[in-house]
N, C-alpha and C. Protein backbone atom coordinates (compact mmCIF):
# COMPACT_ATOMS: atom_id res chain seq x y z
N UNK A 1 -86.97 95.07 33.26
CA UNK A 1 -87.95 96.11 33.61
C UNK A 1 -87.68 97.36 32.77
N UNK A 2 -88.73 97.90 32.20
CA UNK A 2 -88.60 99.03 31.28
C UNK A 2 -87.98 100.25 31.93
N UNK A 3 -88.11 100.36 33.25
CA UNK A 3 -87.64 101.56 33.93
C UNK A 3 -86.13 101.56 34.20
N UNK A 4 -85.45 100.47 33.86
CA UNK A 4 -83.99 100.40 34.06
C UNK A 4 -83.29 101.56 33.37
N UNK A 5 -83.72 101.86 32.16
CA UNK A 5 -83.12 102.96 31.39
C UNK A 5 -83.29 104.29 32.13
N UNK A 6 -84.46 104.50 32.74
CA UNK A 6 -84.70 105.74 33.46
C UNK A 6 -83.82 105.84 34.70
N UNK A 7 -83.65 104.72 35.38
CA UNK A 7 -82.81 104.71 36.59
C UNK A 7 -81.36 105.01 36.29
N UNK A 8 -80.94 104.68 35.08
CA UNK A 8 -79.56 104.96 34.66
C UNK A 8 -79.28 106.46 34.76
N UNK A 9 -80.27 107.27 34.42
CA UNK A 9 -80.07 108.72 34.38
C UNK A 9 -80.76 109.47 35.52
N UNK A 10 -81.73 108.81 36.15
CA UNK A 10 -82.45 109.42 37.27
C UNK A 10 -82.48 108.42 38.43
N UNK A 11 -81.33 108.23 39.08
CA UNK A 11 -81.21 107.18 40.10
C UNK A 11 -82.00 107.44 41.37
N UNK A 12 -82.52 108.66 41.54
CA UNK A 12 -83.23 108.99 42.77
C UNK A 12 -84.74 108.83 42.67
N UNK A 13 -85.22 108.17 41.62
CA UNK A 13 -86.66 107.96 41.48
C UNK A 13 -87.19 107.15 42.66
N UNK A 14 -88.35 107.55 43.15
CA UNK A 14 -88.97 106.83 44.27
C UNK A 14 -89.67 105.57 43.76
N UNK A 15 -90.05 104.71 44.69
CA UNK A 15 -90.80 103.49 44.31
C UNK A 15 -92.09 103.87 43.59
N UNK A 16 -92.76 104.89 44.11
CA UNK A 16 -94.02 105.32 43.48
C UNK A 16 -93.77 105.80 42.05
N UNK A 17 -92.74 106.60 41.85
CA UNK A 17 -92.43 107.09 40.50
C UNK A 17 -92.09 105.94 39.57
N UNK A 18 -91.32 104.97 40.06
CA UNK A 18 -90.97 103.81 39.23
C UNK A 18 -92.22 103.03 38.83
N UNK A 19 -93.14 102.88 39.76
CA UNK A 19 -94.40 102.19 39.44
C UNK A 19 -95.18 102.96 38.38
N UNK A 20 -95.22 104.29 38.54
CA UNK A 20 -95.95 105.10 37.56
C UNK A 20 -95.32 105.00 36.18
N UNK A 21 -94.00 105.13 36.11
CA UNK A 21 -93.32 105.01 34.82
C UNK A 21 -93.52 103.62 34.22
N UNK A 22 -93.49 102.60 35.06
CA UNK A 22 -93.63 101.22 34.59
C UNK A 22 -95.01 100.99 33.97
N UNK A 23 -96.02 101.63 34.54
CA UNK A 23 -97.40 101.45 34.04
C UNK A 23 -97.62 102.10 32.68
N UNK A 24 -96.79 103.07 32.33
CA UNK A 24 -97.01 103.82 31.08
C UNK A 24 -97.01 102.91 29.86
N UNK A 25 -96.16 101.90 29.86
CA UNK A 25 -96.05 101.04 28.68
C UNK A 25 -97.38 100.37 28.35
N UNK A 26 -97.99 99.74 29.35
CA UNK A 26 -99.27 99.06 29.11
C UNK A 26 -100.36 100.05 28.74
N UNK A 27 -100.38 101.19 29.41
CA UNK A 27 -101.41 102.19 29.12
C UNK A 27 -101.30 102.71 27.69
N UNK A 28 -100.07 103.03 27.26
CA UNK A 28 -99.90 103.54 25.89
C UNK A 28 -100.14 102.46 24.84
N UNK A 29 -99.75 101.23 25.16
CA UNK A 29 -100.05 100.12 24.23
C UNK A 29 -101.55 99.97 24.05
N UNK A 30 -102.25 100.01 25.16
CA UNK A 30 -103.72 99.85 25.14
C UNK A 30 -104.37 100.97 24.33
N UNK A 31 -103.96 102.21 24.58
CA UNK A 31 -104.58 103.34 23.90
C UNK A 31 -104.14 103.45 22.46
N UNK A 32 -102.93 103.01 22.18
CA UNK A 32 -102.44 103.08 20.80
C UNK A 32 -103.22 102.15 19.87
N UNK A 33 -103.80 101.10 20.45
CA UNK A 33 -104.65 100.21 19.65
C UNK A 33 -105.92 100.94 19.19
N UNK A 34 -106.38 101.87 20.00
CA UNK A 34 -107.63 102.60 19.69
C UNK A 34 -107.36 103.88 18.91
N UNK A 35 -106.34 104.61 19.36
CA UNK A 35 -106.01 105.92 18.76
C UNK A 35 -104.50 105.93 18.53
N UNK A 36 -104.09 106.16 17.31
CA UNK A 36 -102.65 106.09 17.01
C UNK A 36 -101.95 107.38 17.48
N UNK A 37 -101.51 107.36 18.75
CA UNK A 37 -100.84 108.56 19.28
C UNK A 37 -99.31 108.46 19.18
N UNK A 38 -98.82 107.25 19.09
CA UNK A 38 -97.38 107.01 18.95
C UNK A 38 -97.20 106.04 17.80
N UNK A 39 -96.23 106.30 16.91
CA UNK A 39 -96.06 105.40 15.77
C UNK A 39 -95.74 103.99 16.27
N UNK A 40 -96.19 103.00 15.52
CA UNK A 40 -96.04 101.60 15.94
C UNK A 40 -94.57 101.26 16.23
N UNK A 41 -93.68 101.71 15.37
CA UNK A 41 -92.27 101.36 15.56
C UNK A 41 -91.69 102.06 16.80
N UNK A 42 -92.20 103.24 17.11
CA UNK A 42 -91.73 103.97 18.29
C UNK A 42 -92.20 103.34 19.59
N UNK A 43 -93.31 102.60 19.54
CA UNK A 43 -93.79 101.95 20.77
C UNK A 43 -92.73 101.00 21.32
N UNK A 44 -91.92 100.42 20.42
CA UNK A 44 -90.87 99.49 20.88
C UNK A 44 -89.78 100.22 21.65
N UNK A 45 -89.64 101.52 21.42
CA UNK A 45 -88.62 102.28 22.15
C UNK A 45 -89.28 103.45 22.90
N UNK A 46 -90.44 103.16 23.47
CA UNK A 46 -91.22 104.18 24.19
C UNK A 46 -90.39 104.87 25.27
N UNK A 47 -89.63 104.07 26.03
CA UNK A 47 -88.91 104.65 27.18
C UNK A 47 -87.75 105.53 26.73
N UNK A 48 -87.16 105.20 25.60
CA UNK A 48 -86.04 106.01 25.12
C UNK A 48 -86.53 107.24 24.35
N UNK A 49 -87.38 107.01 23.34
CA UNK A 49 -87.72 108.08 22.40
C UNK A 49 -88.82 109.02 22.89
N UNK A 50 -89.55 108.61 23.90
CA UNK A 50 -90.64 109.46 24.37
C UNK A 50 -90.50 109.83 25.84
N UNK A 51 -90.31 108.83 26.70
CA UNK A 51 -90.27 109.13 28.14
C UNK A 51 -88.94 109.77 28.53
N UNK A 52 -87.82 109.13 28.19
CA UNK A 52 -86.51 109.70 28.54
C UNK A 52 -86.29 111.02 27.80
N UNK A 53 -86.73 111.09 26.55
CA UNK A 53 -86.61 112.33 25.78
C UNK A 53 -87.36 113.48 26.49
N UNK A 54 -88.55 113.18 26.99
CA UNK A 54 -89.31 114.18 27.73
C UNK A 54 -88.57 114.61 28.99
N UNK A 55 -88.00 113.63 29.68
CA UNK A 55 -87.30 113.92 30.94
C UNK A 55 -85.99 114.67 30.73
N UNK A 56 -85.53 114.75 29.48
CA UNK A 56 -84.30 115.51 29.20
C UNK A 56 -84.42 116.95 29.67
N UNK A 57 -85.64 117.48 29.67
CA UNK A 57 -85.86 118.85 30.15
C UNK A 57 -85.39 118.98 31.60
N UNK A 58 -85.54 117.89 32.37
CA UNK A 58 -85.15 117.92 33.78
C UNK A 58 -83.63 117.99 33.97
N UNK A 59 -82.87 117.64 32.93
CA UNK A 59 -81.41 117.78 33.02
C UNK A 59 -81.01 119.26 32.92
N UNK A 60 -81.91 120.05 32.37
CA UNK A 60 -81.65 121.48 32.19
C UNK A 60 -82.30 122.30 33.31
N UNK A 61 -83.50 121.87 33.75
CA UNK A 61 -84.27 122.63 34.74
C UNK A 61 -85.00 121.68 35.68
N UNK A 62 -84.77 121.85 36.97
CA UNK A 62 -85.57 121.14 37.97
C UNK A 62 -86.66 122.10 38.45
N UNK A 63 -87.89 121.75 38.17
CA UNK A 63 -89.00 122.66 38.52
C UNK A 63 -89.21 122.66 40.03
N UNK A 64 -89.20 123.86 40.62
CA UNK A 64 -89.42 124.00 42.06
C UNK A 64 -90.88 123.71 42.39
N UNK A 65 -91.16 123.24 43.61
CA UNK A 65 -92.55 123.05 44.02
C UNK A 65 -93.35 124.33 43.79
N UNK A 66 -94.56 124.15 43.27
CA UNK A 66 -95.42 125.31 43.00
C UNK A 66 -95.26 125.89 41.61
N UNK A 67 -94.29 125.40 40.85
CA UNK A 67 -94.12 125.87 39.47
C UNK A 67 -95.33 125.49 38.63
N UNK A 68 -95.75 126.41 37.77
CA UNK A 68 -96.84 126.12 36.83
C UNK A 68 -96.23 125.99 35.43
N UNK A 69 -96.46 124.83 34.83
CA UNK A 69 -95.81 124.50 33.55
C UNK A 69 -96.88 124.18 32.51
N UNK A 70 -96.77 124.80 31.34
CA UNK A 70 -97.69 124.56 30.24
C UNK A 70 -96.99 123.73 29.16
N UNK A 71 -97.62 122.63 28.76
CA UNK A 71 -97.11 121.79 27.67
C UNK A 71 -98.02 122.01 26.46
N UNK A 72 -97.47 122.67 25.44
CA UNK A 72 -98.25 123.02 24.24
C UNK A 72 -98.09 121.95 23.17
N UNK A 73 -99.23 121.50 22.60
CA UNK A 73 -99.18 120.47 21.56
C UNK A 73 -98.71 119.15 22.14
N UNK A 74 -99.29 118.79 23.27
CA UNK A 74 -98.79 117.65 24.05
C UNK A 74 -98.97 116.30 23.35
N UNK A 75 -99.88 116.23 22.37
CA UNK A 75 -100.11 114.93 21.71
C UNK A 75 -100.65 113.94 22.73
N UNK A 76 -99.97 112.81 22.86
CA UNK A 76 -100.39 111.80 23.84
C UNK A 76 -99.87 112.06 25.24
N UNK A 77 -99.26 113.23 25.46
CA UNK A 77 -98.82 113.56 26.82
C UNK A 77 -97.33 113.75 26.99
N UNK A 78 -96.65 114.12 25.90
CA UNK A 78 -95.19 114.31 25.98
C UNK A 78 -94.82 115.74 25.60
N UNK A 79 -94.00 116.38 26.40
CA UNK A 79 -93.26 115.87 27.57
C UNK A 79 -93.99 115.95 28.90
N UNK A 80 -95.25 116.40 28.90
CA UNK A 80 -95.93 116.72 30.14
C UNK A 80 -96.09 115.59 31.15
N UNK A 81 -96.54 114.41 30.69
CA UNK A 81 -96.80 113.33 31.64
C UNK A 81 -95.52 112.84 32.33
N UNK A 82 -94.44 112.53 31.60
CA UNK A 82 -93.22 112.12 32.31
C UNK A 82 -92.71 113.20 33.28
N UNK A 83 -92.80 114.46 32.88
CA UNK A 83 -92.33 115.54 33.76
C UNK A 83 -93.23 115.66 35.00
N UNK A 84 -94.52 115.45 34.82
CA UNK A 84 -95.45 115.52 35.97
C UNK A 84 -95.17 114.40 36.96
N UNK A 85 -94.76 113.24 36.47
CA UNK A 85 -94.38 112.14 37.37
C UNK A 85 -93.11 112.52 38.13
N UNK A 86 -92.16 113.09 37.41
CA UNK A 86 -90.86 113.43 38.02
C UNK A 86 -90.97 114.57 39.02
N UNK A 87 -91.88 115.52 38.75
CA UNK A 87 -92.03 116.70 39.61
C UNK A 87 -93.47 116.76 40.17
N UNK A 88 -93.78 115.91 41.14
CA UNK A 88 -95.17 115.83 41.62
C UNK A 88 -95.66 117.08 42.33
N UNK A 89 -94.74 117.98 42.72
CA UNK A 89 -95.16 119.19 43.43
C UNK A 89 -95.26 120.40 42.50
N UNK A 90 -95.04 120.19 41.21
CA UNK A 90 -95.29 121.24 40.22
C UNK A 90 -96.64 120.96 39.56
N UNK A 91 -97.24 121.99 38.98
CA UNK A 91 -98.56 121.85 38.34
C UNK A 91 -98.40 121.92 36.82
N UNK A 92 -98.95 120.94 36.13
CA UNK A 92 -98.79 120.86 34.67
C UNK A 92 -100.13 120.99 33.97
N UNK A 93 -100.17 121.87 32.96
CA UNK A 93 -101.33 122.00 32.08
C UNK A 93 -100.92 121.52 30.70
N UNK A 94 -101.61 120.52 30.20
CA UNK A 94 -101.29 119.93 28.89
C UNK A 94 -102.41 120.30 27.92
N UNK A 95 -102.04 120.93 26.82
CA UNK A 95 -103.06 121.37 25.86
C UNK A 95 -102.75 120.82 24.47
N UNK A 96 -103.81 120.45 23.76
CA UNK A 96 -103.67 120.00 22.37
C UNK A 96 -104.97 120.33 21.64
N UNK A 97 -104.85 120.64 20.35
CA UNK A 97 -106.03 121.02 19.57
C UNK A 97 -106.82 119.80 19.10
N UNK A 98 -106.27 118.59 19.31
CA UNK A 98 -106.96 117.36 18.88
C UNK A 98 -107.56 116.68 20.11
N UNK A 99 -108.89 116.64 20.15
CA UNK A 99 -109.60 116.16 21.32
C UNK A 99 -109.27 114.73 21.72
N UNK A 100 -109.11 113.84 20.72
CA UNK A 100 -108.89 112.43 21.08
C UNK A 100 -107.52 112.23 21.74
N UNK A 101 -106.58 113.11 21.45
CA UNK A 101 -105.27 113.01 22.11
C UNK A 101 -105.40 113.42 23.58
N UNK A 102 -106.22 114.42 23.84
CA UNK A 102 -106.46 114.83 25.22
C UNK A 102 -107.20 113.73 25.99
N UNK A 103 -108.04 112.97 25.30
CA UNK A 103 -108.70 111.81 25.94
C UNK A 103 -107.66 110.81 26.41
N UNK A 104 -106.63 110.60 25.60
CA UNK A 104 -105.54 109.68 25.97
C UNK A 104 -104.79 110.23 27.17
N UNK A 105 -104.48 111.52 27.14
CA UNK A 105 -103.76 112.16 28.26
C UNK A 105 -104.54 111.96 29.56
N UNK A 106 -105.83 112.21 29.53
CA UNK A 106 -106.65 112.06 30.73
C UNK A 106 -106.66 110.62 31.23
N UNK A 107 -106.78 109.68 30.30
CA UNK A 107 -106.83 108.26 30.68
C UNK A 107 -105.50 107.79 31.26
N UNK A 108 -104.40 108.22 30.64
CA UNK A 108 -103.08 107.82 31.14
C UNK A 108 -102.80 108.45 32.50
N UNK A 109 -103.13 109.73 32.64
CA UNK A 109 -102.94 110.43 33.93
C UNK A 109 -103.73 109.74 35.04
N UNK A 110 -104.95 109.34 34.70
CA UNK A 110 -105.78 108.64 35.68
C UNK A 110 -105.19 107.26 35.99
N UNK A 111 -104.68 106.61 34.96
CA UNK A 111 -104.13 105.26 35.11
C UNK A 111 -102.91 105.20 36.02
N UNK A 112 -102.14 106.29 36.05
CA UNK A 112 -100.95 106.32 36.93
C UNK A 112 -101.18 107.22 38.15
N UNK A 113 -102.46 107.63 38.33
CA UNK A 113 -102.87 108.41 39.51
C UNK A 113 -102.08 109.72 39.64
N UNK A 114 -102.01 110.44 38.53
CA UNK A 114 -101.36 111.76 38.56
C UNK A 114 -102.38 112.81 38.99
N UNK A 115 -102.05 113.55 40.04
CA UNK A 115 -102.97 114.56 40.57
C UNK A 115 -102.58 115.98 40.14
N UNK A 116 -101.43 116.10 39.46
CA UNK A 116 -100.91 117.45 39.17
C UNK A 116 -100.98 117.78 37.68
N UNK A 117 -101.98 117.20 36.99
CA UNK A 117 -102.15 117.46 35.56
C UNK A 117 -103.56 117.97 35.28
N UNK A 118 -103.64 119.01 34.45
CA UNK A 118 -104.90 119.46 33.86
C UNK A 118 -104.75 119.34 32.36
N UNK A 119 -105.66 118.62 31.72
CA UNK A 119 -105.59 118.45 30.26
C UNK A 119 -106.69 119.26 29.59
N UNK A 120 -106.33 120.00 28.57
CA UNK A 120 -107.27 120.90 27.91
C UNK A 120 -107.28 120.65 26.40
N UNK A 121 -108.49 120.52 25.85
CA UNK A 121 -108.65 120.45 24.40
C UNK A 121 -108.84 121.88 23.91
N UNK A 122 -107.84 122.40 23.18
CA UNK A 122 -107.94 123.77 22.69
C UNK A 122 -106.62 124.25 22.14
N UNK A 123 -106.53 125.56 21.98
CA UNK A 123 -105.32 126.16 21.42
C UNK A 123 -104.66 127.05 22.49
N UNK A 124 -103.34 127.05 22.48
CA UNK A 124 -102.59 127.78 23.51
C UNK A 124 -102.93 129.26 23.53
N UNK A 125 -103.15 129.83 22.34
CA UNK A 125 -103.41 131.27 22.26
C UNK A 125 -104.65 131.68 23.04
N UNK A 126 -105.57 130.73 23.21
CA UNK A 126 -106.84 131.04 23.87
C UNK A 126 -106.77 130.95 25.40
N UNK A 127 -105.70 130.39 25.92
CA UNK A 127 -105.57 130.24 27.37
C UNK A 127 -105.40 131.59 28.05
N UNK A 128 -106.08 131.77 29.16
CA UNK A 128 -105.98 133.03 29.91
C UNK A 128 -104.97 132.93 31.06
N UNK A 129 -104.70 131.69 31.51
CA UNK A 129 -103.79 131.51 32.65
C UNK A 129 -102.36 131.90 32.32
N UNK A 130 -101.58 132.12 33.38
CA UNK A 130 -100.16 132.43 33.22
C UNK A 130 -99.34 131.30 33.85
N UNK A 131 -98.11 131.13 33.34
CA UNK A 131 -97.27 130.01 33.74
C UNK A 131 -95.83 130.48 33.98
N UNK A 132 -95.10 129.67 34.71
CA UNK A 132 -93.68 129.97 34.91
C UNK A 132 -92.85 129.47 33.72
N UNK A 133 -93.24 128.31 33.20
CA UNK A 133 -92.51 127.75 32.06
C UNK A 133 -93.48 127.16 31.03
N UNK A 134 -93.04 127.21 29.79
CA UNK A 134 -93.75 126.53 28.70
C UNK A 134 -92.79 125.48 28.14
N UNK A 135 -93.29 124.24 28.03
CA UNK A 135 -92.49 123.17 27.43
C UNK A 135 -93.22 122.67 26.18
N UNK A 136 -92.44 122.08 25.28
CA UNK A 136 -93.04 121.52 24.08
C UNK A 136 -92.02 120.67 23.35
N UNK A 137 -92.55 119.85 22.44
CA UNK A 137 -91.67 118.98 21.67
C UNK A 137 -91.88 119.25 20.18
N UNK A 138 -91.15 120.23 19.69
CA UNK A 138 -91.10 120.51 18.24
C UNK A 138 -92.46 120.58 17.55
N UNK A 139 -93.37 121.38 18.12
CA UNK A 139 -94.68 121.49 17.46
C UNK A 139 -94.65 122.41 16.25
N UNK A 140 -93.74 123.38 16.27
CA UNK A 140 -93.62 124.30 15.14
C UNK A 140 -92.26 125.00 15.23
N UNK A 141 -91.96 125.85 14.25
CA UNK A 141 -90.71 126.61 14.27
C UNK A 141 -90.75 127.62 15.42
N UNK A 142 -89.60 127.87 16.01
CA UNK A 142 -89.56 128.74 17.20
C UNK A 142 -90.17 130.13 16.98
N UNK A 143 -89.88 130.84 15.87
CA UNK A 143 -90.48 132.17 15.71
C UNK A 143 -92.01 132.14 15.78
N UNK A 144 -92.61 131.13 15.18
CA UNK A 144 -94.07 130.98 15.21
C UNK A 144 -94.53 130.67 16.63
N UNK A 145 -93.79 129.78 17.30
CA UNK A 145 -94.12 129.36 18.66
C UNK A 145 -94.16 130.57 19.60
N UNK A 146 -93.18 131.45 19.46
CA UNK A 146 -93.10 132.62 20.34
C UNK A 146 -94.35 133.49 20.24
N UNK A 147 -94.95 133.53 19.05
CA UNK A 147 -96.15 134.36 18.85
C UNK A 147 -97.32 133.87 19.70
N UNK A 148 -97.34 132.56 19.99
CA UNK A 148 -98.45 131.99 20.75
C UNK A 148 -98.37 132.33 22.24
N UNK A 149 -97.23 132.85 22.68
CA UNK A 149 -96.96 132.92 24.12
C UNK A 149 -97.13 134.30 24.73
N UNK A 150 -97.64 135.23 23.97
CA UNK A 150 -97.81 136.60 24.48
C UNK A 150 -98.73 136.59 25.71
N UNK A 151 -98.24 137.16 26.79
CA UNK A 151 -99.05 137.25 28.00
C UNK A 151 -99.22 135.95 28.77
N UNK A 152 -98.39 134.97 28.48
CA UNK A 152 -98.56 133.65 29.10
C UNK A 152 -97.70 133.43 30.34
N UNK A 153 -96.81 134.39 30.67
CA UNK A 153 -95.84 134.12 31.74
C UNK A 153 -96.12 134.89 33.03
N UNK A 154 -95.93 134.18 34.14
CA UNK A 154 -95.99 134.79 35.46
C UNK A 154 -94.81 135.75 35.65
N UNK A 155 -95.04 136.78 36.46
CA UNK A 155 -93.93 137.69 36.79
C UNK A 155 -93.04 137.11 37.89
N UNK A 156 -93.67 136.45 38.87
CA UNK A 156 -92.89 135.90 40.00
C UNK A 156 -91.93 134.82 39.50
N UNK A 157 -90.74 134.81 40.08
CA UNK A 157 -89.73 133.85 39.64
C UNK A 157 -89.08 133.20 40.87
N UNK A 158 -89.05 131.87 40.90
CA UNK A 158 -88.42 131.18 42.04
C UNK A 158 -87.72 129.90 41.60
N UNK A 159 -87.44 129.80 40.30
CA UNK A 159 -86.73 128.64 39.77
C UNK A 159 -85.27 129.00 39.48
N UNK A 160 -84.41 127.98 39.28
CA UNK A 160 -83.00 128.26 38.98
C UNK A 160 -82.80 129.11 37.73
N UNK A 161 -83.69 128.97 36.76
CA UNK A 161 -83.64 129.80 35.55
C UNK A 161 -84.84 130.73 35.53
N UNK A 162 -84.69 131.86 34.84
CA UNK A 162 -85.82 132.77 34.67
C UNK A 162 -86.95 132.05 33.94
N UNK A 163 -88.18 132.44 34.25
CA UNK A 163 -89.33 131.89 33.55
C UNK A 163 -89.12 131.98 32.04
N UNK A 164 -89.59 130.97 31.32
CA UNK A 164 -89.40 130.98 29.87
C UNK A 164 -89.78 129.65 29.23
N UNK A 165 -89.15 129.38 28.10
CA UNK A 165 -89.48 128.21 27.26
C UNK A 165 -88.37 127.17 27.37
N UNK A 166 -88.78 125.91 27.46
CA UNK A 166 -87.85 124.77 27.36
C UNK A 166 -88.40 123.88 26.25
N UNK A 167 -87.70 123.90 25.11
CA UNK A 167 -88.24 123.32 23.87
C UNK A 167 -87.36 122.18 23.39
N UNK A 168 -87.94 121.02 23.20
CA UNK A 168 -87.19 119.87 22.68
C UNK A 168 -87.16 119.94 21.16
N UNK A 169 -85.96 120.03 20.61
CA UNK A 169 -85.79 120.13 19.15
C UNK A 169 -84.63 119.25 18.71
N UNK A 170 -84.54 119.04 17.40
CA UNK A 170 -83.42 118.26 16.86
C UNK A 170 -82.81 118.94 15.66
N UNK A 171 -81.61 118.50 15.29
CA UNK A 171 -80.98 118.98 14.06
C UNK A 171 -80.31 120.33 14.20
N UNK A 172 -80.04 120.94 13.05
CA UNK A 172 -79.35 122.23 12.99
C UNK A 172 -80.37 123.36 13.18
N UNK A 173 -80.20 124.12 14.24
CA UNK A 173 -81.19 125.15 14.58
C UNK A 173 -80.73 126.56 14.26
N UNK A 174 -79.58 126.69 13.61
CA UNK A 174 -78.98 128.02 13.39
C UNK A 174 -79.96 128.96 12.69
N UNK A 175 -80.57 128.50 11.61
CA UNK A 175 -81.48 129.36 10.84
C UNK A 175 -82.74 129.67 11.63
N UNK A 176 -83.31 128.64 12.25
CA UNK A 176 -84.56 128.80 13.00
C UNK A 176 -84.41 129.78 14.17
N UNK A 177 -83.25 129.75 14.80
CA UNK A 177 -83.06 130.57 16.01
C UNK A 177 -82.34 131.89 15.71
N UNK A 178 -82.14 132.20 14.43
CA UNK A 178 -81.48 133.47 14.07
C UNK A 178 -82.25 134.64 14.67
N UNK A 179 -81.54 135.48 15.41
CA UNK A 179 -82.18 136.65 15.99
C UNK A 179 -82.89 136.40 17.32
N UNK A 180 -82.88 135.13 17.77
CA UNK A 180 -83.50 134.79 19.06
C UNK A 180 -82.39 134.46 20.05
N UNK A 181 -82.40 135.12 21.19
CA UNK A 181 -81.37 134.85 22.19
C UNK A 181 -81.76 133.57 22.95
N UNK A 182 -81.10 132.48 22.61
CA UNK A 182 -81.45 131.17 23.18
C UNK A 182 -80.21 130.48 23.72
N UNK A 183 -80.44 129.62 24.70
CA UNK A 183 -79.37 128.77 25.23
C UNK A 183 -79.67 127.36 24.75
N UNK A 184 -78.69 126.70 24.14
CA UNK A 184 -78.91 125.37 23.57
C UNK A 184 -78.14 124.32 24.37
N UNK A 185 -78.85 123.29 24.80
CA UNK A 185 -78.25 122.19 25.55
C UNK A 185 -78.28 120.94 24.68
N UNK A 186 -77.10 120.42 24.34
CA UNK A 186 -77.01 119.20 23.52
C UNK A 186 -77.23 117.98 24.38
N UNK A 187 -78.23 117.17 24.03
CA UNK A 187 -78.58 116.04 24.88
C UNK A 187 -77.56 114.91 24.83
N UNK A 188 -76.69 114.91 23.82
CA UNK A 188 -75.64 113.89 23.78
C UNK A 188 -74.67 114.06 24.95
N UNK A 189 -74.68 115.24 25.58
CA UNK A 189 -73.84 115.47 26.76
C UNK A 189 -74.42 114.87 28.03
N UNK A 190 -75.68 114.45 27.95
CA UNK A 190 -76.36 113.90 29.13
C UNK A 190 -76.71 112.42 28.97
N UNK A 191 -76.89 111.97 27.71
CA UNK A 191 -77.35 110.61 27.46
C UNK A 191 -76.43 109.90 26.46
N UNK A 192 -76.23 108.61 26.68
CA UNK A 192 -75.31 107.84 25.83
C UNK A 192 -75.95 107.32 24.54
N UNK A 193 -77.25 107.15 24.54
CA UNK A 193 -77.93 106.49 23.41
C UNK A 193 -77.80 107.32 22.13
N UNK A 194 -77.67 106.63 20.99
CA UNK A 194 -77.50 107.29 19.68
C UNK A 194 -78.66 108.23 19.35
N UNK A 195 -79.85 107.88 19.83
CA UNK A 195 -81.04 108.68 19.55
C UNK A 195 -80.83 110.15 19.92
N UNK A 196 -80.03 110.40 20.96
CA UNK A 196 -79.88 111.77 21.47
C UNK A 196 -78.75 112.55 20.80
N UNK A 197 -78.09 111.95 19.84
CA UNK A 197 -76.92 112.56 19.20
C UNK A 197 -77.21 113.97 18.67
N UNK A 198 -78.35 114.16 18.04
CA UNK A 198 -78.67 115.48 17.45
C UNK A 198 -79.79 116.21 18.19
N UNK A 199 -80.23 115.64 19.30
CA UNK A 199 -81.36 116.22 20.03
C UNK A 199 -80.88 117.31 21.00
N UNK A 200 -81.77 118.28 21.22
CA UNK A 200 -81.39 119.44 22.05
C UNK A 200 -82.58 119.90 22.90
N UNK A 201 -82.25 120.59 23.98
CA UNK A 201 -83.24 121.41 24.69
C UNK A 201 -82.85 122.86 24.43
N UNK A 202 -83.81 123.63 23.93
CA UNK A 202 -83.59 125.06 23.68
C UNK A 202 -84.29 125.84 24.79
N UNK A 203 -83.53 126.66 25.48
CA UNK A 203 -84.10 127.50 26.54
C UNK A 203 -84.11 128.96 26.09
N UNK A 204 -85.28 129.57 26.18
CA UNK A 204 -85.40 131.01 25.89
C UNK A 204 -86.07 131.67 27.09
N UNK A 205 -85.38 132.58 27.73
CA UNK A 205 -85.97 133.32 28.85
C UNK A 205 -87.07 134.25 28.34
N UNK A 206 -88.12 134.41 29.15
CA UNK A 206 -89.23 135.28 28.71
C UNK A 206 -88.76 136.71 28.49
N UNK A 207 -87.64 137.09 29.09
CA UNK A 207 -87.11 138.43 28.90
C UNK A 207 -86.47 138.63 27.54
N UNK A 208 -86.28 137.54 26.79
CA UNK A 208 -85.59 137.63 25.50
C UNK A 208 -86.53 137.64 24.29
N UNK A 209 -87.83 137.75 24.57
CA UNK A 209 -88.77 137.95 23.46
C UNK A 209 -89.97 138.70 24.03
N UNK A 210 -90.84 139.12 23.15
CA UNK A 210 -91.98 139.94 23.56
C UNK A 210 -93.06 139.07 24.20
N UNK A 211 -92.87 138.76 25.49
CA UNK A 211 -93.77 137.83 26.16
C UNK A 211 -94.87 138.53 26.94
C-alpha cells in the first residue's frame, strides 16, 4: 500500500486520511495522462517526492484549527492538498497562474472529498484575503517571494509559531537568504530517505520582513 511510507512518519493518520492519501495515486495518474503536472519519472515516487515532501511542513508546524493557509504556485496541488488532508480543520487556498493546473487541483480535491480547499486561478499579488501562513515549494527566490506577500498576513496569532512563511527549498541557501532572518529546518533530521538529504523547510516570521 502506497501509504505505508506516510504511516512511517505520521502514525496517527485516521482511516479517512489514509483512504484520501491512497486515492491520490490513481487521481494523479489519471490527470497526468491529460495534463503533465508531475514529471513521468516522479510519478513512480509520488508519495516520497511530492506527498511526503509536502507533509514535511507539518514536522515544523502543526496548523491549529481555523488557521488560514495560502499555497502560492501550487502547481498540481503541492504542498496544499497533502496538508489539507492532514489538517482538515484548517482552511487552505491554493493559487496558481496556470489555469489547467488549478483544474487538476479542483478535480483531485473533489476526488478525495476535501472540503477545506479553495483553488484560484490567478496571481498571489492580486489576492485581497489575509492568511496566517503562506506555504510554497520553491516557486522563486526568497527575496522575490517576499515582495508578493505585502499585506497578506492576519494580525491574530494562535499557532505555535508566529504567522509567516513555510517554504520548501533545497540546496545551499546562504546567498538567497542573506539579510533575511530565517529559521532553517533540515529535513534529513526528520526523514531517512536520501531524497531529503539536502531538502529544507525555511520559516520566516511575518515580523522579519515588510509584510
